[in-house]
PDB file of N, CA and C in Angstrom:
ATOM      1  N   MET A   1     -16.461  15.049  -7.093  1.00  0.00           N
ATOM      2  CA  MET A   1     -15.085  14.822  -6.657  1.00  0.00           C
ATOM      3  C   MET A   1     -14.248  16.103  -6.931  1.00  0.00           C
ATOM      4  N   LYS A   2     -13.309  16.372  -6.043  1.00  0.00           N
ATOM      5  CA  LYS A   2     -12.459  17.535  -6.214  1.00  0.00           C
ATOM      6  C   LYS A   2     -11.425  17.233  -7.316  1.00  0.00           C
ATOM      7  N   LYS A   3     -11.131  18.244  -8.083  1.00  0.00           N
ATOM      8  CA  LYS A   3     -10.147  18.078  -9.182  1.00  0.00           C
ATOM      9  C   LYS A   3      -8.729  18.343  -8.633  1.00  0.00           C
ATOM     10  N   ASP A   4      -7.762  17.713  -9.290  1.00  0.00           N
ATOM     11  CA  ASP A   4      -6.325  17.896  -9.026  1.00  0.00           C
ATOM     12  C   ASP A   4      -5.860  17.527  -7.620  1.00  0.00           C
ATOM     13  N   ILE A   5      -6.571  16.613  -6.943  1.00  0.00           N
ATOM     14  CA  ILE A   5      -6.067  16.177  -5.638  1.00  0.00           C
ATOM     15  C   ILE A   5      -5.650  14.722  -5.654  1.00  0.00           C
ATOM     16  N   HIS A   6      -5.945  14.006  -6.724  1.00  0.00           N
ATOM     17  CA  HIS A   6      -5.604  12.596  -6.815  1.00  0.00           C
ATOM     18  C   HIS A   6      -4.264  12.411  -7.528  1.00  0.00           C
ATOM     19  N   PRO A   7      -3.449  11.450  -7.056  1.00  0.00           N
ATOM     20  CA  PRO A   7      -2.166  11.189  -7.741  1.00  0.00           C
ATOM     21  C   PRO A   7      -2.430  10.570  -9.120  1.00  0.00           C
ATOM     22  N   GLU A   8      -1.472  10.693  -9.988  1.00  0.00           N
ATOM     23  CA  GLU A   8      -1.605  10.134 -11.349  1.00  0.00           C
ATOM     24  C   GLU A   8      -1.400   8.609 -11.320  1.00  0.00           C
ATOM     25  N   TYR A   9      -2.367   7.909 -11.830  1.00  0.00           N
ATOM     26  CA  TYR A   9      -2.301   6.449 -11.893  1.00  0.00           C
ATOM     27  C   TYR A   9      -1.833   6.038 -13.261  1.00  0.00           C
ATOM     28  N   ARG A  10      -0.738   5.264 -13.339  1.00  0.00           N
ATOM     29  CA  ARG A  10      -0.179   4.908 -14.632  1.00  0.00           C
ATOM     30  C   ARG A  10       0.441   3.497 -14.533  1.00  0.00           C
ATOM     31  N   LYS A  11       0.810   2.984 -15.673  1.00  0.00           N
ATOM     32  CA  LYS A  11       1.481   1.693 -15.705  1.00  0.00           C
ATOM     33  C   LYS A  11       2.963   1.846 -15.379  1.00  0.00           C
ATOM     34  N   VAL A  12       3.468   0.957 -14.523  1.00  0.00           N
ATOM     35  CA  VAL A  12       4.887   0.966 -14.157  1.00  0.00           C
ATOM     36  C   VAL A  12       5.417  -0.469 -14.174  1.00  0.00           C
ATOM     37  N   VAL A  13       6.704  -0.639 -14.295  1.00  0.00           N
ATOM     38  CA  VAL A  13       7.344  -1.951 -14.249  1.00  0.00           C
ATOM     39  C   VAL A  13       8.004  -2.099 -12.883  1.00  0.00           C
ATOM     40  N   PHE A  14       7.687  -3.197 -12.212  1.00  0.00           N
ATOM     41  CA  PHE A  14       8.337  -3.518 -10.939  1.00  0.00           C
ATOM     42  C   PHE A  14       9.409  -4.531 -11.203  1.00  0.00           C
ATOM     43  N   LEU A  15      10.603  -4.323 -10.612  1.00  0.00           N
ATOM     44  CA  LEU A  15      11.751  -5.198 -10.783  1.00  0.00           C
ATOM     45  C   LEU A  15      12.150  -5.750  -9.440  1.00  0.00           C
ATOM     46  N   ASP A  16      12.098  -7.079  -9.296  1.00  0.00           N
ATOM     47  CA  ASP A  16      12.562  -7.741  -8.064  1.00  0.00           C
ATOM     48  C   ASP A  16      14.073  -7.828  -8.175  1.00  0.00           C
ATOM     49  N   THR A  17      14.771  -7.094  -7.272  1.00  0.00           N
ATOM     50  CA  THR A  17      16.227  -7.004  -7.370  1.00  0.00           C
ATOM     51  C   THR A  17      16.948  -8.300  -6.996  1.00  0.00           C
ATOM     52  N   SER A  18      16.260  -9.203  -6.275  1.00  0.00           N
ATOM     53  CA  SER A  18      16.938 -10.440  -5.887  1.00  0.00           C
ATOM     54  C   SER A  18      16.838 -11.523  -6.952  1.00  0.00           C
ATOM     55  N   SER A  19      15.878 -11.438  -7.854  1.00  0.00           N
ATOM     56  CA  SER A  19      15.753 -12.453  -8.890  1.00  0.00           C
ATOM     57  C   SER A  19      15.675 -11.903 -10.324  1.00  0.00           C
ATOM     58  N   ASP A  20      15.702 -10.594 -10.469  1.00  0.00           N
ATOM     59  CA  ASP A  20      15.551  -9.928 -11.780  1.00  0.00           C
ATOM     60  C   ASP A  20      14.206 -10.245 -12.450  1.00  0.00           C
ATOM     61  N   PHE A  21      13.187 -10.585 -11.657  1.00  0.00           N
ATOM     62  CA  PHE A  21      11.833 -10.825 -12.184  1.00  0.00           C
ATOM     63  C   PHE A  21      11.145  -9.479 -12.354  1.00  0.00           C
ATOM     64  N   LYS A  22      10.534  -9.242 -13.539  1.00  0.00           N
ATOM     65  CA  LYS A  22       9.861  -7.993 -13.852  1.00  0.00           C
ATOM     66  C   LYS A  22       8.388  -8.246 -14.151  1.00  0.00           C
ATOM     67  N   PHE A  23       7.542  -7.310 -13.747  1.00  0.00           N
ATOM     68  CA  PHE A  23       6.133  -7.366 -14.140  1.00  0.00           C
ATOM     69  C   PHE A  23       5.575  -5.991 -14.266  1.00  0.00           C
ATOM     70  N   LEU A  24       4.596  -5.871 -15.140  1.00  0.00           N
ATOM     71  CA  LEU A  24       3.939  -4.593 -15.461  1.00  0.00           C
ATOM     72  C   LEU A  24       2.660  -4.509 -14.665  1.00  0.00           C
ATOM     73  N   SER A  25       2.463  -3.372 -13.992  1.00  0.00           N
ATOM     74  CA  SER A  25       1.257  -3.207 -13.168  1.00  0.00           C
ATOM     75  C   SER A  25       0.929  -1.711 -13.101  1.00  0.00           C
ATOM     76  N   GLY A  26      -0.208  -1.373 -12.536  1.00  0.00           N
ATOM     77  CA  GLY A  26      -0.564   0.004 -12.355  1.00  0.00           C
ATOM     78  C   GLY A  26      -0.155   0.497 -10.990  1.00  0.00           C
ATOM     79  N   SER A  27       0.230   1.783 -10.886  1.00  0.00           N
ATOM     80  CA  SER A  27       0.664   2.338  -9.629  1.00  0.00           C
ATOM     81  C   SER A  27       0.636   3.840  -9.680  1.00  0.00           C
ATOM     82  N   THR A  28       0.618   4.488  -8.502  1.00  0.00           N
ATOM     83  CA  THR A  28       0.730   5.935  -8.412  1.00  0.00           C
ATOM     84  C   THR A  28       2.125   6.345  -7.977  1.00  0.00           C
ATOM     85  N   LYS A  29       2.999   5.369  -7.747  1.00  0.00           N
ATOM     86  CA  LYS A  29       4.376   5.627  -7.297  1.00  0.00           C
ATOM     87  C   LYS A  29       5.197   6.266  -8.381  1.00  0.00           C
ATOM     88  N   ASN A  30       6.040   7.245  -8.014  1.00  0.00           N
ATOM     89  CA  ASN A  30       6.900   7.937  -8.981  1.00  0.00           C
ATOM     90  C   ASN A  30       8.281   7.306  -9.020  1.00  0.00           C
ATOM     91  N   SER A  31       8.958   7.448 -10.160  1.00  0.00           N
ATOM     92  CA  SER A  31      10.290   6.944 -10.316  1.00  0.00           C
ATOM     93  C   SER A  31      11.038   7.743 -11.374  1.00  0.00           C
ATOM     94  N   ASP A  32      12.334   7.967 -11.141  1.00  0.00           N
ATOM     95  CA  ASP A  32      13.138   8.658 -12.131  1.00  0.00           C
ATOM     96  C   ASP A  32      13.712   7.694 -13.176  1.00  0.00           C
ATOM     97  N   GLU A  33      13.762   6.406 -12.847  1.00  0.00           N
ATOM     98  CA  GLU A  33      14.280   5.396 -13.759  1.00  0.00           C
ATOM     99  C   GLU A  33      13.163   4.942 -14.711  1.00  0.00           C
ATOM    100  N   THR A  34      13.550   4.571 -15.921  1.00  0.00           N
ATOM    101  CA  THR A  34      12.607   4.023 -16.881  1.00  0.00           C
ATOM    102  C   THR A  34      13.178   2.779 -17.504  1.00  0.00           C
ATOM    103  N   ILE A  35      12.297   1.971 -18.098  1.00  0.00           N
ATOM    104  CA  ILE A  35      12.729   0.740 -18.769  1.00  0.00           C
ATOM    105  C   ILE A  35      11.812   0.496 -19.958  1.00  0.00           C
ATOM    106  N   GLU A  36      12.378  -0.105 -20.985  1.00  0.00           N
ATOM    107  CA  GLU A  36      11.561  -0.453 -22.146  1.00  0.00           C
ATOM    108  C   GLU A  36      10.976  -1.843 -21.911  1.00  0.00           C
ATOM    109  N   TRP A  37       9.665  -1.960 -21.994  1.00  0.00           N
ATOM    110  CA  TRP A  37       8.964  -3.190 -21.741  1.00  0.00           C
ATOM    111  C   TRP A  37       8.850  -4.012 -23.021  1.00  0.00           C
ATOM    112  N   GLU A  38       8.372  -5.218 -22.912  1.00  0.00           N
ATOM    113  CA  GLU A  38       8.241  -6.159 -24.039  1.00  0.00           C
ATOM    114  C   GLU A  38       7.379  -5.646 -25.160  1.00  0.00           C
ATOM    115  N   ASP A  39       6.432  -4.748 -24.846  1.00  0.00           N
ATOM    116  CA  ASP A  39       5.566  -4.209 -25.899  1.00  0.00           C
ATOM    117  C   ASP A  39       6.170  -3.030 -26.656  1.00  0.00           C
ATOM    118  N   GLY A  40       7.420  -2.667 -26.313  1.00  0.00           N
ATOM    119  CA  GLY A  40       8.111  -1.587 -26.991  1.00  0.00           C
ATOM    120  C   GLY A  40       7.905  -0.194 -26.363  1.00  0.00           C
ATOM    121  N   ASN A  41       7.018  -0.099 -25.392  1.00  0.00           N
ATOM    122  CA  ASN A  41       6.779   1.163 -24.696  1.00  0.00           C
ATOM    123  C   ASN A  41       7.759   1.339 -23.526  1.00  0.00           C
ATOM    124  N   THR A  42       7.994   2.570 -23.138  1.00  0.00           N
ATOM    125  CA  THR A  42       8.887   2.877 -22.014  1.00  0.00           C
ATOM    126  C   THR A  42       8.036   3.219 -20.794  1.00  0.00           C
ATOM    127  N   TYR A  43       8.321   2.583 -19.672  1.00  0.00           N
ATOM    128  CA  TYR A  43       7.568   2.774 -18.428  1.00  0.00           C
ATOM    129  C   TYR A  43       8.509   3.126 -17.287  1.00  0.00           C
ATOM    130  N   PRO A  44       8.000   3.793 -16.251  1.00  0.00           N
ATOM    131  CA  PRO A  44       8.819   4.031 -15.048  1.00  0.00           C
ATOM    132  C   PRO A  44       9.195   2.673 -14.397  1.00  0.00           C
ATOM    133  N   LEU A  45      10.376   2.622 -13.801  1.00  0.00           N
ATOM    134  CA  LEU A  45      10.855   1.403 -13.162  1.00  0.00           C
ATOM    135  C   LEU A  45      10.891   1.570 -11.646  1.00  0.00           C
ATOM    136  N   ILE A  46      10.248   0.642 -10.935  1.00  0.00           N
ATOM    137  CA  ILE A  46      10.273   0.615  -9.495  1.00  0.00           C
ATOM    138  C   ILE A  46      11.001  -0.641  -9.058  1.00  0.00           C
ATOM    139  N   ARG A  47      12.074  -0.458  -8.264  1.00  0.00           N
ATOM    140  CA  ARG A  47      12.827  -1.599  -7.746  1.00  0.00           C
ATOM    141  C   ARG A  47      12.278  -2.046  -6.410  1.00  0.00           C
ATOM    142  N   VAL A  48      12.051  -3.366  -6.236  1.00  0.00           N
ATOM    143  CA  VAL A  48      11.550  -3.915  -4.992  1.00  0.00           C
ATOM    144  C   VAL A  48      12.474  -5.033  -4.562  1.00  0.00           C
ATOM    145  N   GLU A  49      12.537  -5.272  -3.228  1.00  0.00           N
ATOM    146  CA  GLU A  49      13.422  -6.314  -2.716  1.00  0.00           C
ATOM    147  C   GLU A  49      12.786  -7.700  -2.761  1.00  0.00           C
ATOM    148  N   ILE A  50      11.455  -7.753  -2.732  1.00  0.00           N
ATOM    149  CA  ILE A  50      10.790  -9.046  -2.715  1.00  0.00           C
ATOM    150  C   ILE A  50       9.500  -8.922  -3.504  1.00  0.00           C
ATOM    151  N   SER A  51       9.146  -9.975  -4.229  1.00  0.00           N
ATOM    152  CA  SER A  51       7.901 -10.000  -5.002  1.00  0.00           C
ATOM    153  C   SER A  51       7.352 -11.409  -4.911  1.00  0.00           C
ATOM    154  N   SER A  52       6.329 -11.692  -5.680  1.00  0.00           N
ATOM    155  CA  SER A  52       5.743 -13.035  -5.652  1.00  0.00           C
ATOM    156  C   SER A  52       6.684 -14.075  -6.206  1.00  0.00           C
ATOM    157  N   ASP A  53       7.719 -13.654  -6.922  1.00  0.00           N
ATOM    158  CA  ASP A  53       8.701 -14.563  -7.462  1.00  0.00           C
ATOM    159  C   ASP A  53       9.669 -15.071  -6.404  1.00  0.00           C
ATOM    160  N   THR A  54       9.874 -14.288  -5.342  1.00  0.00           N
ATOM    161  CA  THR A  54      10.843 -14.670  -4.305  1.00  0.00           C
ATOM    162  C   THR A  54      10.259 -14.776  -2.918  1.00  0.00           C
ATOM    163  N   HIS A  55       9.016 -14.414  -2.715  1.00  0.00           N
ATOM    164  CA  HIS A  55       8.400 -14.490  -1.377  1.00  0.00           C
ATOM    165  C   HIS A  55       8.105 -15.948  -0.990  1.00  0.00           C
ATOM    166  N   PRO A  56       8.490 -16.360   0.229  1.00  0.00           N
ATOM    167  CA  PRO A  56       8.318 -17.762   0.659  1.00  0.00           C
ATOM    168  C   PRO A  56       6.865 -18.253   0.574  1.00  0.00           C
ATOM    169  N   PHE A  57       5.898 -17.357   0.774  1.00  0.00           N
ATOM    170  CA  PHE A  57       4.501 -17.781   0.698  1.00  0.00           C
ATOM    171  C   PHE A  57       4.131 -18.328  -0.675  1.00  0.00           C
ATOM    172  N   TYR A  58       4.649 -17.699  -1.733  1.00  0.00           N
ATOM    173  CA  TYR A  58       4.353 -18.074  -3.113  1.00  0.00           C
ATOM    174  C   TYR A  58       5.304 -19.167  -3.624  1.00  0.00           C
ATOM    175  N   THR A  59       6.556 -19.169  -3.167  1.00  0.00           N
ATOM    176  CA  THR A  59       7.525 -20.124  -3.690  1.00  0.00           C
ATOM    177  C   THR A  59       7.516 -21.431  -2.905  1.00  0.00           C
ATOM    178  N   GLY A  60       7.085 -21.386  -1.610  1.00  0.00           N
ATOM    179  CA  GLY A  60       7.107 -22.582  -0.782  1.00  0.00           C
ATOM    180  C   GLY A  60       8.477 -22.863  -0.236  1.00  0.00           C
ATOM    181  N   LYS A  61       9.461 -21.978  -0.437  1.00  0.00           N
ATOM    182  CA  LYS A  61      10.811 -22.154   0.052  1.00  0.00           C
ATOM    183  C   LYS A  61      11.141 -21.089   1.062  1.00  0.00           C
ATOM    184  N   GLN A  62      11.788 -21.481   2.132  1.00  0.00           N
ATOM    185  CA  GLN A  62      12.241 -20.518   3.099  1.00  0.00           C
ATOM    186  C   GLN A  62      13.661 -20.079   2.756  1.00  0.00           C
ATOM    187  N   LYS A  63      13.920 -18.810   2.932  1.00  0.00           N
ATOM    188  CA  LYS A  63      15.238 -18.288   2.677  1.00  0.00           C
ATOM    189  C   LYS A  63      15.949 -18.177   4.013  1.00  0.00           C
ATOM    190  N   ALA A  64      17.050 -18.872   4.180  1.00  0.00           N
ATOM    191  CA  ALA A  64      17.772 -18.893   5.455  1.00  0.00           C
ATOM    192  C   ALA A  64      18.788 -17.776   5.491  1.00  0.00           C
ATOM    193  N   ASP A  65      18.478 -16.726   6.285  1.00  0.00           N
ATOM    194  CA  ASP A  65      19.406 -15.622   6.451  1.00  0.00           C
ATOM    195  C   ASP A  65      20.439 -15.974   7.529  1.00  0.00           C
ATOM    196  N   LYS A  66      19.987 -16.580   8.588  1.00  0.00           N
ATOM    197  CA  LYS A  66      20.885 -16.983   9.661  1.00  0.00           C
ATOM    198  C   LYS A  66      20.928 -18.492   9.741  1.00  0.00           C
ATOM    199  N   VAL A  67      22.094 -19.014   9.838  1.00  0.00           N
ATOM    200  CA  VAL A  67      22.238 -20.478   9.964  1.00  0.00           C
ATOM    201  C   VAL A  67      22.280 -20.802  11.441  1.00  0.00           C
ATOM    202  N   GLY A  68      21.373 -21.623  11.894  1.00  0.00           N
ATOM    203  CA  GLY A  68      21.332 -22.014  13.278  1.00  0.00           C
ATOM    204  C   GLY A  68      20.684 -20.962  14.144  1.00  0.00           C
ATOM    205  N   GLY A  69      20.273 -21.389  15.339  1.00  0.00           N
ATOM    206  CA  GLY A  69      19.651 -20.505  16.282  1.00  0.00           C
ATOM    207  C   GLY A  69      20.661 -20.034  17.310  1.00  0.00           C
ATOM    208  N   ARG A  70      20.155 -19.572  18.437  1.00  0.00           N
ATOM    209  CA  ARG A  70      21.010 -19.048  19.495  1.00  0.00           C
ATOM    210  C   ARG A  70      21.923 -20.127  20.060  1.00  0.00           C
ATOM    211  N   VAL A  71      21.357 -21.277  20.315  1.00  0.00           N
ATOM    212  CA  VAL A  71      22.153 -22.363  20.881  1.00  0.00           C
ATOM    213  C   VAL A  71      23.278 -22.773  19.944  1.00  0.00           C
ATOM    214  N   ASP A  72      22.957 -22.898  18.674  1.00  0.00           N
ATOM    215  CA  ASP A  72      23.988 -23.296  17.707  1.00  0.00           C
ATOM    216  C   ASP A  72      25.115 -22.245  17.601  1.00  0.00           C
ATOM    217  N   ARG A  73      24.734 -20.987  17.626  1.00  0.00           N
ATOM    218  CA  ARG A  73      25.764 -19.925  17.597  1.00  0.00           C
ATOM    219  C   ARG A  73      26.614 -19.932  18.868  1.00  0.00           C
ATOM    220  N   PHE A  74      25.983 -20.186  20.009  1.00  0.00           N
ATOM    221  CA  PHE A  74      26.718 -20.272  21.279  1.00  0.00           C
ATOM    222  C   PHE A  74      27.725 -21.405  21.253  1.00  0.00           C
ATOM    223  N   LYS A  75      27.244 -22.564  20.813  1.00  0.00           N
ATOM    224  CA  LYS A  75      28.154 -23.731  20.740  1.00  0.00           C
ATOM    225  C   LYS A  75      29.283 -23.485  19.755  1.00  0.00           C
ATOM    226  N   LYS A  76      29.013 -22.867  18.651  1.00  0.00           N
ATOM    227  CA  LYS A  76      30.063 -22.568  17.696  1.00  0.00           C
ATOM    228  C   LYS A  76      31.054 -21.571  18.246  1.00  0.00           C
ATOM    229  N   LYS A  77      30.556 -20.585  18.972  1.00  0.00           N
ATOM    230  CA  LYS A  77      31.432 -19.531  19.537  1.00  0.00           C
ATOM    231  C   LYS A  77      32.410 -20.148  20.526  1.00  0.00           C
ATOM    232  N   TYR A  78      31.975 -21.095  21.353  1.00  0.00           N
ATOM    233  CA  TYR A  78      32.789 -21.690  22.396  1.00  0.00           C
ATOM    234  C   TYR A  78      33.278 -23.092  22.058  1.00  0.00           C
ATOM    235  N   ASN A  79      33.246 -23.441  20.770  1.00  0.00           N
ATOM    236  CA  ASN A  79      33.741 -24.747  20.280  1.00  0.00           C
ATOM    237  C   ASN A  79      33.181 -25.924  21.067  1.00  0.00           C
ATOM    238  N   MET A  80      31.886 -25.919  21.268  1.00  0.00           N
ATOM    239  CA  MET A  80      31.195 -27.012  21.965  1.00  0.00           C
ATOM    240  C   MET A  80      30.474 -27.848  20.932  1.00  0.00           C
ATOM    241  N   LYS A  81      30.221 -29.087  21.296  1.00  0.00           N
ATOM    242  CA  LYS A  81      29.490 -29.959  20.389  1.00  0.00           C
ATOM    243  C   LYS A  81      28.155 -30.370  20.913  1.00  0.00           C
TER     244      LYS A  81
END
């Protein structure tokens, strides 16, 4: 194997910004932020928008971004029932 071509693999903390869920895992991703983990060590912090804590596949709950479909929005726009 060639030397000095592989990224550095280290432990990092991932933070789900929507639920404040944190987990420690290995990654090659870089970060300027750090956080002190439960074991007392300081690790790089990677912020993510969704994780297993908030993803509908794992939680079984759908997150409704838009209320109603096209027809419902049309009816609301023109005050129809």
